[in-house]
Amino acid sequence: MIIALASDHGGFPEKDMIKNHIEKMGHTVIDLGTNSTDSVDYPDYAVRIGQAITNGQAERGILLCGSGVGASIAANKIKGIYAAVCHDTYSARQGVQHDNMNVLCLGARVVGPELIKELIDAFLSAKFISTEERYVRRVNKIYKLEDGNS
């Protein structure tokens, strides 16, 4: 799988570790920045992740900021991006399985390196359960909301 990876300055210290972990799992990483701890704006990196996924360059994304919250809010403004902050493996896995989440947002100042690896493992190993009508029905309702129809 091709994974887009981006962070703001708050997530930068964990980015290389994450990139190495994803590559050890056998995936390809597209590194979309940032490349230092100099202050930058997380919405700019949410856009980079969103474009990589919606343009077909990447299948999923991992986006980091200090808390994960701002990154998640910004990413969810992009049509076709379904992002969530996850600080537990159940949510990271179930977000994909039940909700077709395609961007994992992480708070690099909230979770440590070992938990980050476990969250990424859960996120990347999960598949959307498209064979169960209830999940498809719910996700289709999300798509309608995204298109301005409720």
N, C-alpha and C. Protein backbone atom coordinates (compact mmCIF):
# COMPACT_ATOMS: atom_id res chain seq x y z
N MET A 1 0.85 -1.17 0.00
CA MET A 1 0.00 0.00 0.00
C MET A 1 0.90 1.24 0.00
N ILE A 2 0.43 2.29 -0.64
CA ILE A 2 1.16 3.56 -0.65
C ILE A 2 0.51 4.47 0.40
N ILE A 3 1.33 4.96 1.32
CA ILE A 3 0.87 5.76 2.44
C ILE A 3 1.45 7.16 2.35
N ALA A 4 0.58 8.17 2.38
CA ALA A 4 1.02 9.56 2.46
C ALA A 4 1.26 9.89 3.93
N LEU A 5 2.36 10.52 4.21
CA LEU A 5 2.74 10.87 5.58
C LEU A 5 3.08 12.35 5.63
N ALA A 6 2.48 13.05 6.59
CA ALA A 6 2.79 14.48 6.76
C ALA A 6 2.61 14.86 8.21
N SER A 7 3.27 15.94 8.58
CA SER A 7 3.15 16.45 9.95
C SER A 7 3.40 17.95 9.95
N ASP A 8 2.92 18.57 11.00
CA ASP A 8 3.36 19.93 11.26
C ASP A 8 4.59 19.84 12.16
N HIS A 9 5.03 20.96 12.68
CA HIS A 9 6.22 20.98 13.54
C HIS A 9 6.05 20.15 14.81
N GLY A 10 4.80 20.07 15.31
CA GLY A 10 4.56 19.29 16.52
C GLY A 10 4.71 17.80 16.32
N GLY A 11 4.45 17.34 15.11
CA GLY A 11 4.58 15.92 14.81
C GLY A 11 5.90 15.53 14.20
N PHE A 12 6.66 16.53 13.77
CA PHE A 12 7.91 16.25 13.07
C PHE A 12 8.87 15.32 13.81
N PRO A 13 9.05 15.46 15.14
CA PRO A 13 10.02 14.59 15.81
C PRO A 13 9.73 13.09 15.67
N GLU A 14 8.49 12.71 15.42
CA GLU A 14 8.13 11.29 15.29
C GLU A 14 8.08 10.82 13.84
N LYS A 15 8.19 11.74 12.90
CA LYS A 15 7.93 11.40 11.49
C LYS A 15 8.90 10.38 10.91
N ASP A 16 10.19 10.51 11.15
CA ASP A 16 11.15 9.54 10.60
C ASP A 16 10.94 8.15 11.19
N MET A 17 10.65 8.08 12.47
CA MET A 17 10.37 6.78 13.10
C MET A 17 9.15 6.13 12.44
N ILE A 18 8.13 6.93 12.19
CA ILE A 18 6.91 6.42 11.57
C ILE A 18 7.20 5.95 10.14
N LYS A 19 7.92 6.76 9.41
CA LYS A 19 8.27 6.39 8.03
C LYS A 19 9.02 5.06 8.00
N ASN A 20 9.99 4.89 8.86
CA ASN A 20 10.75 3.65 8.92
C ASN A 20 9.86 2.47 9.30
N HIS A 21 8.96 2.69 10.24
CA HIS A 21 8.06 1.61 10.67
C HIS A 21 7.15 1.17 9.52
N ILE A 22 6.59 2.11 8.81
CA ILE A 22 5.69 1.80 7.69
C ILE A 22 6.46 1.04 6.61
N GLU A 23 7.65 1.48 6.31
CA GLU A 23 8.46 0.80 5.29
C GLU A 23 8.83 -0.61 5.72
N LYS A 24 9.12 -0.81 7.02
CA LYS A 24 9.41 -2.17 7.52
C LYS A 24 8.20 -3.07 7.40
N MET A 25 7.00 -2.49 7.41
CA MET A 25 5.77 -3.27 7.22
C MET A 25 5.57 -3.67 5.76
N GLY A 26 6.40 -3.13 4.86
CA GLY A 26 6.31 -3.46 3.45
C GLY A 26 5.54 -2.47 2.61
N HIS A 27 5.21 -1.31 3.17
CA HIS A 27 4.47 -0.29 2.45
C HIS A 27 5.43 0.77 1.91
N THR A 28 4.94 1.54 0.96
CA THR A 28 5.68 2.66 0.40
C THR A 28 5.18 3.94 1.04
N VAL A 29 6.09 4.84 1.38
CA VAL A 29 5.74 6.10 2.03
C VAL A 29 6.03 7.27 1.09
N ILE A 30 5.04 8.14 0.96
CA ILE A 30 5.25 9.43 0.31
C ILE A 30 5.34 10.46 1.42
N ASP A 31 6.52 11.03 1.62
CA ASP A 31 6.75 12.01 2.68
C ASP A 31 6.39 13.39 2.16
N LEU A 32 5.37 13.99 2.76
CA LEU A 32 4.86 15.28 2.30
C LEU A 32 5.25 16.43 3.22
N GLY A 33 6.24 16.21 4.10
CA GLY A 33 6.73 17.26 4.97
C GLY A 33 5.99 17.28 6.30
N THR A 34 6.31 18.17 7.10
CA THR A 34 7.32 19.18 7.13
C THR A 34 8.68 18.52 7.39
N ASN A 35 9.71 19.30 7.26
CA ASN A 35 11.05 18.73 7.37
C ASN A 35 11.89 19.36 8.48
N SER A 36 11.22 19.98 9.45
CA SER A 36 11.93 20.57 10.58
C SER A 36 10.93 20.88 11.69
N THR A 37 11.45 21.38 12.79
CA THR A 37 10.58 21.78 13.89
C THR A 37 10.20 23.27 13.80
N ASP A 38 10.56 23.91 12.69
CA ASP A 38 10.13 25.30 12.50
C ASP A 38 8.61 25.34 12.40
N SER A 39 8.01 26.32 13.02
CA SER A 39 6.56 26.42 13.07
C SER A 39 5.94 26.51 11.67
N VAL A 40 4.95 25.65 11.44
CA VAL A 40 4.19 25.63 10.20
C VAL A 40 2.71 25.44 10.57
N ASP A 41 1.84 25.55 9.60
CA ASP A 41 0.40 25.44 9.83
C ASP A 41 -0.12 24.08 9.39
N TYR A 42 -0.71 23.33 10.34
CA TYR A 42 -1.17 21.98 10.06
C TYR A 42 -2.18 21.89 8.93
N PRO A 43 -3.05 22.89 8.67
CA PRO A 43 -3.97 22.74 7.54
C PRO A 43 -3.26 22.56 6.20
N ASP A 44 -2.08 23.17 6.07
CA ASP A 44 -1.33 23.03 4.81
C ASP A 44 -0.93 21.58 4.57
N TYR A 45 -0.64 20.86 5.63
CA TYR A 45 -0.22 19.46 5.51
C TYR A 45 -1.42 18.53 5.39
N ALA A 46 -2.54 18.94 5.93
CA ALA A 46 -3.78 18.20 5.72
C ALA A 46 -4.16 18.25 4.23
N VAL A 47 -3.99 19.40 3.63
CA VAL A 47 -4.27 19.54 2.19
C VAL A 47 -3.35 18.63 1.38
N ARG A 48 -2.09 18.59 1.73
CA ARG A 48 -1.15 17.72 1.00
C ARG A 48 -1.58 16.25 1.08
N ILE A 49 -1.95 15.81 2.28
CA ILE A 49 -2.42 14.42 2.45
C ILE A 49 -3.69 14.21 1.62
N GLY A 50 -4.63 15.15 1.75
CA GLY A 50 -5.90 15.02 1.03
C GLY A 50 -5.71 14.94 -0.46
N GLN A 51 -4.86 15.78 -1.00
CA GLN A 51 -4.61 15.76 -2.44
C GLN A 51 -3.95 14.45 -2.88
N ALA A 52 -3.02 13.96 -2.10
CA ALA A 52 -2.35 12.70 -2.46
C ALA A 52 -3.35 11.56 -2.51
N ILE A 53 -4.30 11.54 -1.59
CA ILE A 53 -5.29 10.46 -1.58
C ILE A 53 -6.34 10.67 -2.67
N THR A 54 -6.88 11.85 -2.77
CA THR A 54 -7.95 12.07 -3.77
C THR A 54 -7.42 12.03 -5.19
N ASN A 55 -6.14 12.30 -5.39
CA ASN A 55 -5.54 12.20 -6.73
C ASN A 55 -5.07 10.78 -7.06
N GLY A 56 -5.19 9.86 -6.09
CA GLY A 56 -4.81 8.48 -6.33
C GLY A 56 -3.33 8.18 -6.15
N GLN A 57 -2.57 9.12 -5.63
CA GLN A 57 -1.14 8.88 -5.41
C GLN A 57 -0.91 8.00 -4.18
N ALA A 58 -1.84 8.04 -3.23
CA ALA A 58 -1.73 7.25 -2.01
C ALA A 58 -3.10 6.66 -1.69
N GLU A 59 -3.08 5.51 -1.00
CA GLU A 59 -4.33 4.86 -0.61
C GLU A 59 -4.82 5.34 0.74
N ARG A 60 -3.90 5.62 1.64
CA ARG A 60 -4.23 6.11 2.98
C ARG A 60 -3.20 7.13 3.40
N GLY A 61 -3.52 7.82 4.50
CA GLY A 61 -2.60 8.83 5.00
C GLY A 61 -2.47 8.77 6.50
N ILE A 62 -1.33 9.25 6.96
CA ILE A 62 -1.08 9.43 8.39
C ILE A 62 -0.62 10.87 8.56
N LEU A 63 -1.34 11.58 9.43
CA LEU A 63 -1.14 13.00 9.61
C LEU A 63 -0.91 13.29 11.09
N LEU A 64 0.16 13.99 11.39
CA LEU A 64 0.51 14.28 12.78
C LEU A 64 0.51 15.77 13.05
N CYS A 65 0.06 16.09 14.25
CA CYS A 65 0.28 17.41 14.82
C CYS A 65 0.48 17.19 16.31
N GLY A 66 0.50 18.22 17.09
CA GLY A 66 0.75 18.06 18.51
C GLY A 66 -0.30 17.21 19.20
N SER A 67 -1.57 17.52 18.98
CA SER A 67 -2.66 16.78 19.61
C SER A 67 -3.36 15.82 18.66
N GLY A 68 -3.25 16.04 17.37
CA GLY A 68 -3.99 15.29 16.36
C GLY A 68 -5.32 15.92 16.04
N VAL A 69 -5.82 16.78 16.90
CA VAL A 69 -7.15 17.35 16.74
C VAL A 69 -7.22 18.33 15.56
N GLY A 70 -6.33 19.30 15.53
CA GLY A 70 -6.35 20.27 14.44
C GLY A 70 -6.17 19.60 13.09
N ALA A 71 -5.25 18.66 13.02
CA ALA A 71 -5.02 17.93 11.78
C ALA A 71 -6.28 17.21 11.33
N SER A 72 -6.98 16.60 12.27
CA SER A 72 -8.21 15.87 11.95
C SER A 72 -9.30 16.82 11.44
N ILE A 73 -9.47 17.93 12.12
CA ILE A 73 -10.50 18.90 11.70
C ILE A 73 -10.20 19.38 10.29
N ALA A 74 -8.96 19.76 10.03
CA ALA A 74 -8.59 20.27 8.71
C ALA A 74 -8.76 19.21 7.63
N ALA A 75 -8.29 18.00 7.90
CA ALA A 75 -8.37 16.93 6.90
C ALA A 75 -9.81 16.61 6.54
N ASN A 76 -10.70 16.65 7.51
CA ASN A 76 -12.10 16.31 7.24
C ASN A 76 -12.84 17.36 6.43
N LYS A 77 -12.24 18.49 6.19
CA LYS A 77 -12.83 19.51 5.32
C LYS A 77 -12.61 19.20 3.84
N ILE A 78 -11.79 18.21 3.57
CA ILE A 78 -11.45 17.86 2.19
C ILE A 78 -12.36 16.72 1.73
N LYS A 79 -13.08 16.94 0.65
CA LYS A 79 -13.99 15.93 0.12
C LYS A 79 -13.22 14.65 -0.18
N GLY A 80 -13.74 13.54 0.31
CA GLY A 80 -13.12 12.25 0.08
C GLY A 80 -12.15 11.83 1.17
N ILE A 81 -11.94 12.69 2.14
CA ILE A 81 -11.04 12.37 3.25
C ILE A 81 -11.88 12.11 4.49
N TYR A 82 -11.58 10.98 5.14
CA TYR A 82 -12.29 10.55 6.33
C TYR A 82 -11.23 10.28 7.40
N ALA A 83 -11.01 11.30 8.22
CA ALA A 83 -9.89 11.31 9.16
C ALA A 83 -10.40 11.26 10.58
N ALA A 84 -9.62 10.64 11.45
CA ALA A 84 -9.94 10.62 12.87
C ALA A 84 -8.68 10.57 13.70
N VAL A 85 -8.75 11.24 14.85
CA VAL A 85 -7.69 11.13 15.84
C VAL A 85 -7.91 9.81 16.57
N CYS A 86 -6.89 9.01 16.64
CA CYS A 86 -6.98 7.74 17.36
C CYS A 86 -5.81 7.63 18.32
N HIS A 87 -6.14 7.33 19.57
CA HIS A 87 -5.11 7.12 20.57
C HIS A 87 -5.22 5.73 21.18
N ASP A 88 -6.04 4.88 20.55
CA ASP A 88 -6.16 3.48 20.98
C ASP A 88 -6.29 2.62 19.73
N THR A 89 -5.83 1.38 19.82
CA THR A 89 -5.80 0.51 18.65
C THR A 89 -7.20 0.10 18.19
N TYR A 90 -8.13 -0.03 19.12
CA TYR A 90 -9.50 -0.40 18.73
C TYR A 90 -10.07 0.63 17.75
N SER A 91 -9.95 1.91 18.08
CA SER A 91 -10.47 2.96 17.21
C SER A 91 -9.73 3.03 15.88
N ALA A 92 -8.42 2.84 15.91
CA ALA A 92 -7.63 2.89 14.67
C ALA A 92 -8.04 1.78 13.71
N ARG A 93 -8.35 0.61 14.23
CA ARG A 93 -8.78 -0.52 13.40
C ARG A 93 -10.25 -0.37 13.01
N GLN A 94 -11.11 -0.12 13.99
CA GLN A 94 -12.53 -0.05 13.76
C GLN A 94 -12.92 1.14 12.88
N GLY A 95 -12.14 2.23 12.94
CA GLY A 95 -12.40 3.38 12.08
C GLY A 95 -12.31 3.02 10.61
N VAL A 96 -11.42 2.12 10.28
CA VAL A 96 -11.32 1.63 8.90
C VAL A 96 -12.41 0.61 8.62
N GLN A 97 -12.54 -0.37 9.51
CA GLN A 97 -13.48 -1.48 9.28
C GLN A 97 -14.92 -1.02 9.16
N HIS A 98 -15.35 -0.11 10.01
CA HIS A 98 -16.76 0.28 10.04
C HIS A 98 -17.04 1.59 9.33
N ASP A 99 -16.06 2.49 9.29
CA ASP A 99 -16.31 3.85 8.83
C ASP A 99 -15.51 4.25 7.59
N ASN A 100 -14.71 3.34 7.06
CA ASN A 100 -13.91 3.58 5.86
C ASN A 100 -12.94 4.76 6.03
N MET A 101 -12.41 4.93 7.25
CA MET A 101 -11.44 5.98 7.53
C MET A 101 -10.22 5.78 6.64
N ASN A 102 -9.75 6.88 6.04
CA ASN A 102 -8.56 6.76 5.19
C ASN A 102 -7.38 7.60 5.66
N VAL A 103 -7.57 8.38 6.73
CA VAL A 103 -6.46 9.14 7.31
C VAL A 103 -6.46 8.95 8.82
N LEU A 104 -5.35 8.50 9.33
CA LEU A 104 -5.13 8.37 10.76
C LEU A 104 -4.41 9.62 11.24
N CYS A 105 -5.03 10.32 12.18
CA CYS A 105 -4.40 11.50 12.77
C CYS A 105 -3.87 11.13 14.14
N LEU A 106 -2.67 11.56 14.40
CA LEU A 106 -2.01 11.22 15.66
C LEU A 106 -1.52 12.48 16.36
N GLY A 107 -1.65 12.47 17.67
CA GLY A 107 -1.11 13.54 18.49
C GLY A 107 0.27 13.14 18.98
N ALA A 108 1.28 13.66 18.34
CA ALA A 108 2.65 13.27 18.67
C ALA A 108 3.06 13.71 20.07
N ARG A 109 2.35 14.66 20.63
CA ARG A 109 2.63 15.09 22.00
C ARG A 109 1.75 14.36 23.01
N VAL A 110 0.90 13.47 22.52
CA VAL A 110 -0.05 12.77 23.37
C VAL A 110 0.31 11.29 23.52
N VAL A 111 0.73 10.67 22.43
CA VAL A 111 1.07 9.24 22.46
C VAL A 111 2.56 9.05 22.19
N GLY A 112 3.13 8.04 22.80
CA GLY A 112 4.55 7.75 22.64
C GLY A 112 4.84 6.89 21.43
N PRO A 113 6.11 6.72 21.12
CA PRO A 113 6.53 6.01 19.92
C PRO A 113 6.02 4.57 19.81
N GLU A 114 6.01 3.83 20.90
CA GLU A 114 5.57 2.42 20.82
C GLU A 114 4.07 2.33 20.54
N LEU A 115 3.29 3.19 21.18
CA LEU A 115 1.85 3.20 20.90
C LEU A 115 1.58 3.68 19.48
N ILE A 116 2.34 4.65 19.01
CA ILE A 116 2.20 5.11 17.63
C ILE A 116 2.37 3.94 16.67
N LYS A 117 3.35 3.12 16.89
CA LYS A 117 3.57 1.96 16.02
C LYS A 117 2.38 1.00 16.06
N GLU A 118 1.85 0.76 17.24
CA GLU A 118 0.69 -0.12 17.38
C GLU A 118 -0.54 0.46 16.68
N LEU A 119 -0.72 1.76 16.78
CA LEU A 119 -1.84 2.42 16.11
C LEU A 119 -1.72 2.30 14.59
N ILE A 120 -0.51 2.50 14.10
CA ILE A 120 -0.28 2.38 12.66
C ILE A 120 -0.50 0.95 12.20
N ASP A 121 -0.04 -0.02 12.97
CA ASP A 121 -0.27 -1.43 12.62
C ASP A 121 -1.76 -1.72 12.51
N ALA A 122 -2.53 -1.26 13.49
CA ALA A 122 -3.97 -1.50 13.49
C ALA A 122 -4.63 -0.81 12.30
N PHE A 123 -4.27 0.42 12.03
CA PHE A 123 -4.84 1.19 10.93
C PHE A 123 -4.53 0.57 9.57
N LEU A 124 -3.26 0.21 9.35
CA LEU A 124 -2.87 -0.28 8.03
C LEU A 124 -3.28 -1.73 7.79
N SER A 125 -3.50 -2.50 8.82
CA SER A 125 -3.92 -3.89 8.62
C SER A 125 -5.43 -4.03 8.46
N ALA A 126 -6.18 -3.00 8.78
CA ALA A 126 -7.64 -3.07 8.72
C ALA A 126 -8.16 -2.84 7.31
N LYS A 127 -9.29 -3.46 7.03
CA LYS A 127 -10.00 -3.30 5.75
C LYS A 127 -11.45 -2.93 6.05
N PHE A 128 -12.04 -2.12 5.19
CA PHE A 128 -13.45 -1.75 5.33
C PHE A 128 -14.31 -2.99 5.13
N ILE A 129 -15.25 -3.18 6.02
CA ILE A 129 -16.15 -4.35 5.94
C ILE A 129 -17.29 -4.00 4.99
N SER A 130 -16.99 -4.06 3.71
CA SER A 130 -17.97 -3.66 2.69
C SER A 130 -19.00 -4.74 2.40
N THR A 131 -18.87 -5.89 3.03
CA THR A 131 -19.83 -6.97 2.80
C THR A 131 -21.01 -6.88 3.77
N GLU A 132 -20.93 -6.02 4.76
CA GLU A 132 -22.03 -5.89 5.72
C GLU A 132 -22.84 -4.64 5.40
N GLU A 133 -24.11 -4.85 5.11
CA GLU A 133 -24.99 -3.80 4.65
C GLU A 133 -25.03 -2.61 5.60
N ARG A 134 -25.01 -2.85 6.90
CA ARG A 134 -25.13 -1.75 7.85
C ARG A 134 -23.96 -0.77 7.75
N TYR A 135 -22.76 -1.28 7.50
CA TYR A 135 -21.61 -0.39 7.37
C TYR A 135 -21.65 0.38 6.06
N VAL A 136 -22.04 -0.29 5.00
CA VAL A 136 -22.16 0.38 3.70
C VAL A 136 -23.25 1.45 3.78
N ARG A 137 -24.37 1.15 4.39
CA ARG A 137 -25.47 2.11 4.54
C ARG A 137 -25.00 3.35 5.29
N ARG A 138 -24.29 3.14 6.39
CA ARG A 138 -23.82 4.26 7.21
C ARG A 138 -22.79 5.12 6.48
N VAL A 139 -21.86 4.47 5.81
CA VAL A 139 -20.85 5.23 5.07
C VAL A 139 -21.49 5.99 3.91
N ASN A 140 -22.47 5.39 3.25
CA ASN A 140 -23.18 6.10 2.18
C ASN A 140 -23.88 7.34 2.71
N LYS A 141 -24.38 7.29 3.93
CA LYS A 141 -24.99 8.47 4.54
C LYS A 141 -23.94 9.56 4.78
N ILE A 142 -22.74 9.16 5.14
CA ILE A 142 -21.65 10.13 5.29
C ILE A 142 -21.36 10.79 3.95
N TYR A 143 -21.32 10.00 2.88
CA TYR A 143 -21.06 10.56 1.55
C TYR A 143 -22.14 11.56 1.17
N LYS A 144 -23.40 11.27 1.49
CA LYS A 144 -24.49 12.20 1.21
C LYS A 144 -24.32 13.50 1.99
N LEU A 145 -23.92 13.41 3.24
CA LEU A 145 -23.67 14.60 4.05
C LEU A 145 -22.56 15.44 3.42
N GLU A 146 -21.55 14.76 2.95
CA GLU A 146 -20.42 15.45 2.33
C GLU A 146 -20.85 16.21 1.08
N ASP A 147 -21.82 15.67 0.37
CA ASP A 147 -22.31 16.31 -0.85
C ASP A 147 -23.38 17.38 -0.57
N GLY A 148 -23.64 17.64 0.73
CA GLY A 148 -24.60 18.67 1.09
C GLY A 148 -26.03 18.18 1.18
N ASN A 149 -26.21 16.86 1.14
CA ASN A 149 -27.55 16.28 1.25
C ASN A 149 -27.65 15.55 2.57
N SER A 150 -28.71 15.79 3.29
CA SER A 150 -28.84 15.10 4.57
C SER A 150 -29.93 14.08 4.59
